[in-house]
């Protein structure tokens, strides 16, 4: 198998996972950081902007996963590539946006 579809699946997982916080925040009517805020990735964008950005991410993720190569849910290599992309953007987002949204605070008993 060529590595090019695996790279597409990796970035497909990246975009699909990135869609989640934007769509959810937007649907809840809450502002959230986006590339369109000032400063980009730090300031808050409107809930409508986040829904639009989230759905754009879904479309790109779909195109990368379903239109490049022959993605198979039962193929471990395909799923590892998709999962690695989703995991890495999720971890990055937790670290990056945690500083803006209180995600680095821990309770001590």
PDB file of N, CA and C in Angstrom:
ATOM      1  N   UNK A   1       0.842  -1.187   0.000  1.00  0.00           N
ATOM      2  CA  UNK A   1       0.000   0.000   0.000  1.00  0.00           C
ATOM      3  C   UNK A   1       0.880   1.241   0.000  1.00  0.00           C
ATOM      4  N   UNK A   2       0.440   2.220  -0.741  1.00  0.00           N
ATOM      5  CA  UNK A   2       1.138   3.491  -0.804  1.00  0.00           C
ATOM      6  C   UNK A   2       0.961   4.254   0.510  1.00  0.00           C
ATOM      7  N   UNK A   3       1.917   5.075   0.852  1.00  0.00           N
ATOM      8  CA  UNK A   3       1.841   5.863   2.079  1.00  0.00           C
ATOM      9  C   UNK A   3       0.971   7.098   1.906  1.00  0.00           C
ATOM     10  N   UNK A   4       0.674   7.502   0.667  1.00  0.00           N
ATOM     11  CA  UNK A   4      -0.116   8.703   0.431  1.00  0.00           C
ATOM     12  C   UNK A   4      -1.537   8.622   1.005  1.00  0.00           C
ATOM     13  N   UNK A   5      -2.269   7.502   0.804  1.00  0.00           N
ATOM     14  CA  UNK A   5      -3.580   7.407   1.453  1.00  0.00           C
ATOM     15  C   UNK A   5      -3.482   7.442   2.977  1.00  0.00           C
ATOM     16  N   UNK A   6      -2.452   6.840   3.548  1.00  0.00           N
ATOM     17  CA  UNK A   6      -2.293   6.863   5.002  1.00  0.00           C
ATOM     18  C   UNK A   6      -2.085   8.284   5.506  1.00  0.00           C
ATOM     19  N   UNK A   7      -1.361   9.081   4.751  1.00  0.00           N
ATOM     20  CA  UNK A   7      -1.170  10.480   5.105  1.00  0.00           C
ATOM     21  C   UNK A   7      -2.512  11.231   5.025  1.00  0.00           C
ATOM     22  N   UNK A   8      -3.311  10.916   4.006  1.00  0.00           N
ATOM     23  CA  UNK A   8      -4.641  11.523   3.879  1.00  0.00           C
ATOM     24  C   UNK A   8      -5.523  11.114   5.055  1.00  0.00           C
ATOM     25  N   UNK A   9      -5.459   9.857   5.484  1.00  0.00           N
ATOM     26  CA  UNK A   9      -6.273   9.390   6.620  1.00  0.00           C
ATOM     27  C   UNK A   9      -5.828  10.072   7.915  1.00  0.00           C
ATOM     28  N   UNK A  10      -4.516  10.257   8.061  1.00  0.00           N
ATOM     29  CA  UNK A  10      -3.985  10.948   9.232  1.00  0.00           C
ATOM     30  C   UNK A  10      -4.583  12.357   9.315  1.00  0.00           C
ATOM     31  N   UNK A  11      -4.504  13.099   8.224  1.00  0.00           N
ATOM     32  CA  UNK A  11      -5.045  14.455   8.220  1.00  0.00           C
ATOM     33  C   UNK A  11      -6.566  14.463   8.238  1.00  0.00           C
ATOM     34  N   UNK A  12      -7.186  13.408   7.718  1.00  0.00           N
ATOM     35  CA  UNK A  12      -8.633  13.275   7.831  1.00  0.00           C
ATOM     36  C   UNK A  12      -9.047  13.164   9.288  1.00  0.00           C
ATOM     37  N   UNK A  13      -8.339  12.362  10.072  1.00  0.00           N
ATOM     38  CA  UNK A  13      -8.604  12.247  11.505  1.00  0.00           C
ATOM     39  C   UNK A  13      -8.366  13.562  12.216  1.00  0.00           C
ATOM     40  N   UNK A  14      -7.342  14.266  11.787  1.00  0.00           N
ATOM     41  CA  UNK A  14      -7.013  15.584  12.317  1.00  0.00           C
ATOM     42  C   UNK A  14      -8.193  16.541  12.133  1.00  0.00           C
ATOM     43  N   UNK A  15      -8.707  16.645  10.910  1.00  0.00           N
ATOM     44  CA  UNK A  15      -9.814  17.553  10.616  1.00  0.00           C
ATOM     45  C   UNK A  15     -11.111  17.111  11.283  1.00  0.00           C
ATOM     46  N   UNK A  16     -11.394  15.813  11.285  1.00  0.00           N
ATOM     47  CA  UNK A  16     -12.633  15.337  11.904  1.00  0.00           C
ATOM     48  C   UNK A  16     -12.639  15.606  13.405  1.00  0.00           C
ATOM     49  N   UNK A  17     -11.523  15.355  14.079  1.00  0.00           N
ATOM     50  CA  UNK A  17     -11.461  15.626  15.516  1.00  0.00           C
ATOM     51  C   UNK A  17     -11.521  17.124  15.795  1.00  0.00           C
ATOM     52  N   UNK A  18     -10.907  17.923  14.938  1.00  0.00           N
ATOM     53  CA  UNK A  18     -10.923  19.370  15.122  1.00  0.00           C
ATOM     54  C   UNK A  18     -12.329  19.943  14.959  1.00  0.00           C
ATOM     55  N   UNK A  19     -13.178  19.265  14.222  1.00  0.00           N
ATOM     56  CA  UNK A  19     -14.551  19.746  14.016  1.00  0.00           C
ATOM     57  C   UNK A  19     -15.363  19.701  15.313  1.00  0.00           C
ATOM     58  N   UNK A  20     -15.069  18.745  16.171  1.00  0.00           N
ATOM     59  CA  UNK A  20     -15.905  18.506  17.357  1.00  0.00           C
ATOM     60  C   UNK A  20     -16.042  19.728  18.263  1.00  0.00           C
ATOM     61  N   UNK A  21     -14.950  20.328  18.765  1.00  0.00           N
ATOM     62  CA  UNK A  21     -15.143  21.454  19.694  1.00  0.00           C
ATOM     63  C   UNK A  21     -15.804  22.658  19.036  1.00  0.00           C
ATOM     64  N   UNK A  22     -15.547  22.855  17.756  1.00  0.00           N
ATOM     65  CA  UNK A  22     -16.130  24.007  17.069  1.00  0.00           C
ATOM     66  C   UNK A  22     -17.633  23.837  16.881  1.00  0.00           C
ATOM     67  N   UNK A  23     -18.042  22.680  16.413  1.00  0.00           N
ATOM     68  CA  UNK A  23     -19.478  22.444  16.206  1.00  0.00           C
ATOM     69  C   UNK A  23     -20.212  22.436  17.545  1.00  0.00           C
ATOM     70  N   UNK A  24     -19.656  21.753  18.536  1.00  0.00           N
ATOM     71  CA  UNK A  24     -20.325  21.668  19.835  1.00  0.00           C
ATOM     72  C   UNK A  24     -20.430  23.048  20.479  1.00  0.00           C
ATOM     73  N   UNK A  25     -19.340  23.800  20.505  1.00  0.00           N
ATOM     74  CA  UNK A  25     -19.393  25.145  21.083  1.00  0.00           C
ATOM     75  C   UNK A  25     -20.405  26.007  20.342  1.00  0.00           C
ATOM     76  N   UNK A  26     -20.381  25.943  19.025  1.00  0.00           N
ATOM     77  CA  UNK A  26     -21.314  26.728  18.232  1.00  0.00           C
ATOM     78  C   UNK A  26     -22.754  26.345  18.483  1.00  0.00           C
ATOM     79  N   UNK A  27     -23.030  25.050  18.556  1.00  0.00           N
ATOM     80  CA  UNK A  27     -24.399  24.598  18.796  1.00  0.00           C
ATOM     81  C   UNK A  27     -24.883  24.982  20.185  1.00  0.00           C
ATOM     82  N   UNK A  28     -23.954  25.128  21.123  1.00  0.00           N
ATOM     83  CA  UNK A  28     -24.322  25.539  22.473  1.00  0.00           C
ATOM     84  C   UNK A  28     -24.436  27.057  22.581  1.00  0.00           C
ATOM     85  N   UNK A  29     -24.140  27.752  21.479  1.00  0.00           N
ATOM     86  CA  UNK A  29     -24.219  29.202  21.484  1.00  0.00           C
ATOM     87  C   UNK A  29     -23.060  29.879  22.176  1.00  0.00           C
ATOM     88  N   UNK A  30     -21.963  29.172  22.308  1.00  0.00           N
ATOM     89  CA  UNK A  30     -20.802  29.709  23.020  1.00  0.00           C
ATOM     90  C   UNK A  30     -19.701  30.120  22.041  1.00  0.00           C
ATOM     91  N   UNK A  31     -19.036  31.228  22.331  1.00  0.00           N
ATOM     92  CA  UNK A  31     -17.874  31.589  21.515  1.00  0.00           C
ATOM     93  C   UNK A  31     -16.721  30.636  21.823  1.00  0.00           C
ATOM     94  N   UNK A  32     -15.824  30.491  20.876  1.00  0.00           N
ATOM     95  CA  UNK A  32     -14.669  29.613  21.050  1.00  0.00           C
ATOM     96  C   UNK A  32     -13.554  30.121  20.143  1.00  0.00           C
ATOM     97  N   UNK A  33     -12.326  29.782  20.463  1.00  0.00           N
ATOM     98  CA  UNK A  33     -11.192  30.189  19.646  1.00  0.00           C
ATOM     99  C   UNK A  33     -11.301  29.574  18.247  1.00  0.00           C
ATOM    100  N   UNK A  34     -10.878  30.345  17.259  1.00  0.00           N
ATOM    101  CA  UNK A  34     -10.816  29.827  15.888  1.00  0.00           C
ATOM    102  C   UNK A  34      -9.730  30.580  15.142  1.00  0.00           C
ATOM    103  N   UNK A  35      -9.387  30.127  13.949  1.00  0.00           N
ATOM    104  CA  UNK A  35      -8.372  30.835  13.160  1.00  0.00           C
ATOM    105  C   UNK A  35      -8.828  32.227  12.711  1.00  0.00           C
ATOM    106  N   UNK A  36     -10.123  32.516  12.838  1.00  0.00           N
ATOM    107  CA  UNK A  36     -10.665  33.787  12.354  1.00  0.00           C
ATOM    108  C   UNK A  36     -10.741  34.849  13.440  1.00  0.00           C
ATOM    109  N   UNK A  37     -10.408  34.490  14.660  1.00  0.00           N
ATOM    110  CA  UNK A  37     -10.451  35.424  15.786  1.00  0.00           C
ATOM    111  C   UNK A  37      -9.201  36.299  15.771  1.00  0.00           C
ATOM    112  N   UNK A  38      -9.231  37.343  16.566  1.00  0.00           N
ATOM    113  CA  UNK A  38      -8.058  38.204  16.724  1.00  0.00           C
ATOM    114  C   UNK A  38      -7.588  38.124  18.164  1.00  0.00           C
ATOM    115  N   UNK A  39      -6.369  37.717  18.426  1.00  0.00           N
ATOM    116  CA  UNK A  39      -5.429  37.104  17.500  1.00  0.00           C
ATOM    117  C   UNK A  39      -5.874  35.684  17.126  1.00  0.00           C
ATOM    118  N   UNK A  40      -5.510  35.235  15.931  1.00  0.00           N
ATOM    119  CA  UNK A  40      -5.934  33.914  15.459  1.00  0.00           C
ATOM    120  C   UNK A  40      -5.568  32.798  16.446  1.00  0.00           C
ATOM    121  N   UNK A  41      -6.537  31.944  16.725  1.00  0.00           N
ATOM    122  CA  UNK A  41      -6.308  30.812  17.617  1.00  0.00           C
ATOM    123  C   UNK A  41      -6.286  31.154  19.086  1.00  0.00           C
ATOM    124  N   UNK A  42      -6.457  32.433  19.413  1.00  0.00           N
ATOM    125  CA  UNK A  42      -6.440  32.839  20.815  1.00  0.00           C
ATOM    126  C   UNK A  42      -7.703  33.603  21.187  1.00  0.00           C
ATOM    127  N   UNK A  43      -8.102  34.539  20.335  1.00  0.00           N
ATOM    128  CA  UNK A  43      -9.324  35.286  20.591  1.00  0.00           C
ATOM    129  C   UNK A  43     -10.545  34.421  20.335  1.00  0.00           C
ATOM    130  N   UNK A  44     -11.703  34.917  20.705  1.00  0.00           N
ATOM    131  CA  UNK A  44     -12.939  34.159  20.557  1.00  0.00           C
ATOM    132  C   UNK A  44     -13.660  34.528  19.265  1.00  0.00           C
ATOM    133  N   UNK A  45     -14.221  33.523  18.624  1.00  0.00           N
ATOM    134  CA  UNK A  45     -15.083  33.713  17.462  1.00  0.00           C
ATOM    135  C   UNK A  45     -16.515  33.411  17.863  1.00  0.00           C
ATOM    136  N   UNK A  46     -17.454  33.943  17.121  1.00  0.00           N
ATOM    137  CA  UNK A  46     -18.870  33.742  17.432  1.00  0.00           C
ATOM    138  C   UNK A  46     -19.266  32.276  17.280  1.00  0.00           C
ATOM    139  N   UNK A  47     -20.396  31.939  17.862  1.00  0.00           N
ATOM    140  CA  UNK A  47     -20.900  30.574  17.750  1.00  0.00           C
ATOM    141  C   UNK A  47     -21.188  30.226  16.292  1.00  0.00           C
ATOM    142  N   UNK A  48     -21.688  31.169  15.520  1.00  0.00           N
ATOM    143  CA  UNK A  48     -21.971  30.918  14.101  1.00  0.00           C
ATOM    144  C   UNK A  48     -20.687  30.641  13.333  1.00  0.00           C
ATOM    145  N   UNK A  49     -19.666  31.429  13.585  1.00  0.00           N
ATOM    146  CA  UNK A  49     -18.371  31.198  12.933  1.00  0.00           C
ATOM    147  C   UNK A  49     -17.840  29.813  13.275  1.00  0.00           C
ATOM    148  N   UNK A  50     -18.000  29.394  14.520  1.00  0.00           N
ATOM    149  CA  UNK A  50     -17.515  28.081  14.919  1.00  0.00           C
ATOM    150  C   UNK A  50     -18.287  26.943  14.275  1.00  0.00           C
ATOM    151  N   UNK A  51     -19.591  27.093  14.117  1.00  0.00           N
ATOM    152  CA  UNK A  51     -20.366  26.059  13.416  1.00  0.00           C
ATOM    153  C   UNK A  51     -19.892  25.960  11.964  1.00  0.00           C
ATOM    154  N   UNK A  52     -19.717  27.098  11.308  1.00  0.00           N
ATOM    155  CA  UNK A  52     -19.248  27.087   9.914  1.00  0.00           C
ATOM    156  C   UNK A  52     -17.854  26.466   9.802  1.00  0.00           C
ATOM    157  N   UNK A  53     -16.950  26.850  10.703  1.00  0.00           N
ATOM    158  CA  UNK A  53     -15.595  26.303  10.691  1.00  0.00           C
ATOM    159  C   UNK A  53     -15.609  24.797  10.993  1.00  0.00           C
ATOM    160  N   UNK A  54     -16.445  24.393  11.930  1.00  0.00           N
ATOM    161  CA  UNK A  54     -16.548  22.973  12.262  1.00  0.00           C
ATOM    162  C   UNK A  54     -17.044  22.151  11.087  1.00  0.00           C
ATOM    163  N   UNK A  55     -18.064  22.642  10.397  1.00  0.00           N
ATOM    164  CA  UNK A  55     -18.574  21.892   9.248  1.00  0.00           C
ATOM    165  C   UNK A  55     -17.605  21.892   8.081  1.00  0.00           C
ATOM    166  N   UNK A  56     -16.841  22.954   7.934  1.00  0.00           N
ATOM    167  CA  UNK A  56     -15.770  22.942   6.931  1.00  0.00           C
ATOM    168  C   UNK A  56     -14.773  21.825   7.251  1.00  0.00           C
ATOM    169  N   UNK A  57     -14.410  21.686   8.524  1.00  0.00           N
ATOM    170  CA  UNK A  57     -13.502  20.616   8.946  1.00  0.00           C
ATOM    171  C   UNK A  57     -14.089  19.238   8.662  1.00  0.00           C
ATOM    172  N   UNK A  58     -15.397  19.076   8.870  1.00  0.00           N
ATOM    173  CA  UNK A  58     -16.046  17.799   8.572  1.00  0.00           C
ATOM    174  C   UNK A  58     -15.958  17.480   7.088  1.00  0.00           C
ATOM    175  N   UNK A  59     -16.210  18.458   6.241  1.00  0.00           N
ATOM    176  CA  UNK A  59     -16.148  18.243   4.791  1.00  0.00           C
ATOM    177  C   UNK A  59     -14.733  17.857   4.363  1.00  0.00           C
ATOM    178  N   UNK A  60     -13.734  18.583   4.857  1.00  0.00           N
ATOM    179  CA  UNK A  60     -12.347  18.266   4.497  1.00  0.00           C
ATOM    180  C   UNK A  60     -11.973  16.876   5.013  1.00  0.00           C
ATOM    181  N   UNK A  61     -12.355  16.567   6.255  1.00  0.00           N
ATOM    182  CA  UNK A  61     -12.081  15.238   6.802  1.00  0.00           C
ATOM    183  C   UNK A  61     -12.729  14.141   5.980  1.00  0.00           C
ATOM    184  N   UNK A  62     -13.979  14.352   5.590  1.00  0.00           N
ATOM    185  CA  UNK A  62     -14.681  13.382   4.747  1.00  0.00           C
ATOM    186  C   UNK A  62     -13.939  13.175   3.421  1.00  0.00           C
ATOM    187  N   UNK A  63     -13.566  14.264   2.782  1.00  0.00           N
ATOM    188  CA  UNK A  63     -12.872  14.148   1.495  1.00  0.00           C
ATOM    189  C   UNK A  63     -11.561  13.385   1.638  1.00  0.00           C
ATOM    190  N   UNK A  64     -10.821  13.655   2.699  1.00  0.00           N
ATOM    191  CA  UNK A  64      -9.534  12.975   2.894  1.00  0.00           C
ATOM    192  C   UNK A  64      -9.695  11.501   3.236  1.00  0.00           C
ATOM    193  N   UNK A  65     -10.720  11.156   3.996  1.00  0.00           N
ATOM    194  CA  UNK A  65     -10.892   9.766   4.422  1.00  0.00           C
ATOM    195  C   UNK A  65     -11.655   8.945   3.385  1.00  0.00           C
ATOM    196  N   UNK A  66     -12.694   9.504   2.834  1.00  0.00           N
ATOM    197  CA  UNK A  66     -13.584   8.712   1.977  1.00  0.00           C
ATOM    198  C   UNK A  66     -13.307   8.845   0.477  1.00  0.00           C
ATOM    199  N   UNK A  67     -12.532   9.845   0.090  1.00  0.00           N
ATOM    200  CA  UNK A  67     -12.295  10.056  -1.335  1.00  0.00           C
ATOM    201  C   UNK A  67     -10.857   9.810  -1.763  1.00  0.00           C
ATOM    202  N   UNK A  68      -9.982   9.570  -0.804  1.00  0.00           N
ATOM    203  CA  UNK A  68      -8.583   9.269  -1.124  1.00  0.00           C
ATOM    204  C   UNK A  68      -8.340   7.815  -0.762  1.00  0.00           C
ATOM    205  N   UNK A  69      -7.836   7.047  -1.689  1.00  0.00           N
ATOM    206  CA  UNK A  69      -7.573   5.640  -1.410  1.00  0.00           C
ATOM    207  C   UNK A  69      -8.860   4.858  -1.200  1.00  0.00           C
ATOM    208  N   UNK A  70      -8.749   3.770  -0.444  1.00  0.00           N
ATOM    209  CA  UNK A  70      -9.890   2.899  -0.165  1.00  0.00           C
ATOM    210  C   UNK A  70      -9.916   2.626   1.340  1.00  0.00           C
ATOM    211  N   UNK A  71     -10.333   3.625   2.123  1.00  0.00           N
ATOM    212  CA  UNK A  71     -10.344   3.519   3.577  1.00  0.00           C
ATOM    213  C   UNK A  71     -11.255   2.387   4.021  1.00  0.00           C
ATOM    214  N   UNK A  72     -10.740   1.543   4.926  1.00  0.00           N
ATOM    215  CA  UNK A  72     -11.497   0.424   5.469  1.00  0.00           C
ATOM    216  C   UNK A  72     -11.456   0.473   6.991  1.00  0.00           C
ATOM    217  N   UNK A  73     -12.631   0.493   7.626  1.00  0.00           N
ATOM    218  CA  UNK A  73     -12.691   0.498   9.091  1.00  0.00           C
ATOM    219  C   UNK A  73     -12.022  -0.731   9.696  1.00  0.00           C
ATOM    220  N   UNK A  74     -12.052  -1.836   9.000  1.00  0.00           N
ATOM    221  CA  UNK A  74     -11.473  -3.076   9.527  1.00  0.00           C
ATOM    222  C   UNK A  74      -9.980  -3.215   9.246  1.00  0.00           C
ATOM    223  N   UNK A  75      -9.407  -2.252   8.535  1.00  0.00           N
ATOM    224  CA  UNK A  75      -7.981  -2.270   8.250  1.00  0.00           C
ATOM    225  C   UNK A  75      -7.273  -1.515   9.367  1.00  0.00           C
ATOM    226  N   UNK A  76      -6.488  -2.242  10.142  1.00  0.00           N
ATOM    227  CA  UNK A  76      -5.825  -1.656  11.302  1.00  0.00           C
ATOM    228  C   UNK A  76      -4.915  -0.500  10.914  1.00  0.00           C
ATOM    229  N   UNK A  77      -4.196  -0.622   9.824  1.00  0.00           N
ATOM    230  CA  UNK A  77      -3.289   0.436   9.395  1.00  0.00           C
ATOM    231  C   UNK A  77      -4.060   1.715   9.077  1.00  0.00           C
ATOM    232  N   UNK A  78      -5.187   1.590   8.383  1.00  0.00           N
ATOM    233  CA  UNK A  78      -6.015   2.751   8.067  1.00  0.00           C
ATOM    234  C   UNK A  78      -6.516   3.420   9.344  1.00  0.00           C
ATOM    235  N   UNK A  79      -6.980   2.608  10.283  1.00  0.00           N
ATOM    236  CA  UNK A  79      -7.530   3.149  11.532  1.00  0.00           C
ATOM    237  C   UNK A  79      -6.442   3.773  12.417  1.00  0.00           C
ATOM    238  N   UNK A  80      -5.254   3.193  12.419  1.00  0.00           N
ATOM    239  CA  UNK A  80      -4.160   3.766  13.199  1.00  0.00           C
ATOM    240  C   UNK A  80      -3.782   5.135  12.639  1.00  0.00           C
ATOM    241  N   UNK A  81      -3.730   5.252  11.320  1.00  0.00           N
ATOM    242  CA  UNK A  81      -3.410   6.546  10.699  1.00  0.00           C
ATOM    243  C   UNK A  81      -4.469   7.587  11.060  1.00  0.00           C
ATOM    244  N   UNK A  82      -5.748   7.244  10.933  1.00  0.00           N
ATOM    245  CA  UNK A  82      -6.832   8.168  11.275  1.00  0.00           C
ATOM    246  C   UNK A  82      -6.807   8.499  12.767  1.00  0.00           C
ATOM    247  N   UNK A  83      -6.658   7.486  13.595  1.00  0.00           N
ATOM    248  CA  UNK A  83      -6.634   7.691  15.040  1.00  0.00           C
ATOM    249  C   UNK A  83      -5.449   8.517  15.501  1.00  0.00           C
ATOM    250  N   UNK A  84      -4.302   8.342  14.861  1.00  0.00           N
ATOM    251  CA  UNK A  84      -3.116   9.126  15.229  1.00  0.00           C
ATOM    252  C   UNK A  84      -3.346  10.607  14.941  1.00  0.00           C
ATOM    253  N   UNK A  85      -3.957  10.911  13.799  1.00  0.00           N
ATOM    254  CA  UNK A  85      -4.263  12.308  13.488  1.00  0.00           C
ATOM    255  C   UNK A  85      -5.240  12.894  14.483  1.00  0.00           C
ATOM    256  N   UNK A  86      -6.292  12.143  14.814  1.00  0.00           N
ATOM    257  CA  UNK A  86      -7.294  12.615  15.773  1.00  0.00           C
ATOM    258  C   UNK A  86      -6.676  12.774  17.161  1.00  0.00           C
ATOM    259  N   UNK A  87      -5.850  11.832  17.564  1.00  0.00           N
ATOM    260  CA  UNK A  87      -5.217  11.894  18.886  1.00  0.00           C
ATOM    261  C   UNK A  87      -4.287  13.093  19.004  1.00  0.00           C
ATOM    262  N   UNK A  88      -3.468  13.314  17.985  1.00  0.00           N
ATOM    263  CA  UNK A  88      -2.491  14.397  18.074  1.00  0.00           C
ATOM    264  C   UNK A  88      -3.144  15.774  18.089  1.00  0.00           C
ATOM    265  N   UNK A  89      -4.179  16.006  17.266  1.00  0.00           N
ATOM    266  CA  UNK A  89      -4.845  17.311  17.309  1.00  0.00           C
ATOM    267  C   UNK A  89      -5.601  17.461  18.625  1.00  0.00           C
ATOM    268  N   UNK A  90      -6.128  16.376  19.155  1.00  0.00           N
ATOM    269  CA  UNK A  90      -6.832  16.445  20.439  1.00  0.00           C
ATOM    270  C   UNK A  90      -5.868  16.809  21.562  1.00  0.00           C
ATOM    271  N   UNK A  91      -4.714  16.184  21.576  1.00  0.00           N
ATOM    272  CA  UNK A  91      -3.705  16.473  22.593  1.00  0.00           C
ATOM    273  C   UNK A  91      -3.196  17.909  22.455  1.00  0.00           C
ATOM    274  N   UNK A  92      -2.917  18.322  21.234  1.00  0.00           N
ATOM    275  CA  UNK A  92      -2.476  19.693  20.995  1.00  0.00           C
ATOM    276  C   UNK A  92      -3.540  20.685  21.464  1.00  0.00           C
ATOM    277  N   UNK A  93      -4.802  20.424  21.120  1.00  0.00           N
ATOM    278  CA  UNK A  93      -5.889  21.328  21.494  1.00  0.00           C
ATOM    279  C   UNK A  93      -6.041  21.425  23.005  1.00  0.00           C
ATOM    280  N   UNK A  94      -5.929  20.290  23.685  1.00  0.00           N
ATOM    281  CA  UNK A  94      -6.032  20.294  25.148  1.00  0.00           C
ATOM    282  C   UNK A  94      -4.950  21.171  25.757  1.00  0.00           C
ATOM    283  N   UNK A  95      -3.742  21.065  25.254  1.00  0.00           N
ATOM    284  CA  UNK A  95      -2.629  21.855  25.782  1.00  0.00           C
ATOM    285  C   UNK A  95      -2.767  23.326  25.396  1.00  0.00           C
ATOM    286  N   UNK A  96      -3.088  23.595  24.140  1.00  0.00           N
ATOM    287  CA  UNK A  96      -3.140  24.973  23.652  1.00  0.00           C
ATOM    288  C   UNK A  96      -4.339  25.730  24.219  1.00  0.00           C
ATOM    289  N   UNK A  97      -5.524  25.170  24.112  1.00  0.00           N
ATOM    290  CA  UNK A  97      -6.727  25.880  24.523  1.00  0.00           C
ATOM    291  C   UNK A  97      -6.988  25.762  26.025  1.00  0.00           C
ATOM    292  N   UNK A  98      -6.339  24.829  26.683  1.00  0.00           N
ATOM    293  CA  UNK A  98      -6.491  24.693  28.124  1.00  0.00           C
ATOM    294  C   UNK A  98      -6.058  25.944  28.864  1.00  0.00           C
ATOM    295  N   UNK A  99      -5.087  26.631  28.334  1.00  0.00           N
ATOM    296  CA  UNK A  99      -4.618  27.847  29.001  1.00  0.00           C
ATOM    297  C   UNK A  99      -5.630  28.977  28.903  1.00  0.00           C
ATOM    298  N   UNK A 100      -6.527  28.932  27.922  1.00  0.00           N
ATOM    299  CA  UNK A 100      -7.559  29.960  27.771  1.00  0.00           C
ATOM    300  C   UNK A 100      -8.852  29.595  28.487  1.00  0.00           C
ATOM    301  N   UNK A 101      -9.109  28.299  28.630  1.00  0.00           N
ATOM    302  CA  UNK A 101     -10.400  27.836  29.134  1.00  0.00           C
ATOM    303  C   UNK A 101     -10.326  27.132  30.470  1.00  0.00           C
ATOM    304  N   UNK A 102      -9.226  27.269  31.190  1.00  0.00           N
ATOM    305  CA  UNK A 102      -9.113  26.677  32.513  1.00  0.00           C
ATOM    306  C   UNK A 102      -8.819  25.189  32.509  1.00  0.00           C
ATOM    307  N   UNK A 103      -8.395  24.645  31.391  1.00  0.00           N
ATOM    308  CA  UNK A 103      -8.144  23.217  31.295  1.00  0.00           C
ATOM    309  C   UNK A 103      -6.874  22.750  31.959  1.00  0.00           C
ATOM    310  N   UNK A 104      -6.021  23.677  32.387  1.00  0.00           N
ATOM    311  CA  UNK A 104      -4.788  23.287  33.067  1.00  0.00           C
ATOM    312  C   UNK A 104      -4.937  23.314  34.581  1.00  0.00           C
ATOM    313  N   UNK A 105      -6.068  23.811  35.050  1.00  0.00           N
ATOM    314  CA  UNK A 105      -6.296  23.853  36.493  1.00  0.00           C
ATOM    315  C   UNK A 105      -6.598  22.458  37.010  1.00  0.00           C
ATOM    316  N   UNK A 106      -6.002  22.102  38.117  1.00  0.00           N
ATOM    317  CA  UNK A 106      -6.278  20.806  38.741  1.00  0.00           C
ATOM    318  C   UNK A 106      -6.681  21.040  40.174  1.00  0.00           C
ATOM    319  N   UNK A 107      -7.534  20.193  40.664  1.00  0.00           N
ATOM    320  CA  UNK A 107      -7.945  20.255  42.057  1.00  0.00           C
ATOM    321  C   UNK A 107      -7.059  19.345  42.873  1.00  0.00           C
ATOM    322  N   UNK A 108      -6.661  19.828  44.016  1.00  0.00           N
ATOM    323  CA  UNK A 108      -5.871  19.011  44.925  1.00  0.00           C
ATOM    324  C   UNK A 108      -6.705  18.723  46.157  1.00  0.00           C
ATOM    325  N   UNK A 109      -6.704  17.503  46.555  1.00  0.00           N
ATOM    326  CA  UNK A 109      -7.498  17.094  47.721  1.00  0.00           C
ATOM    327  C   UNK A 109      -6.665  17.129  48.970  1.00  0.00           C
TER     328      UNK A 109
END
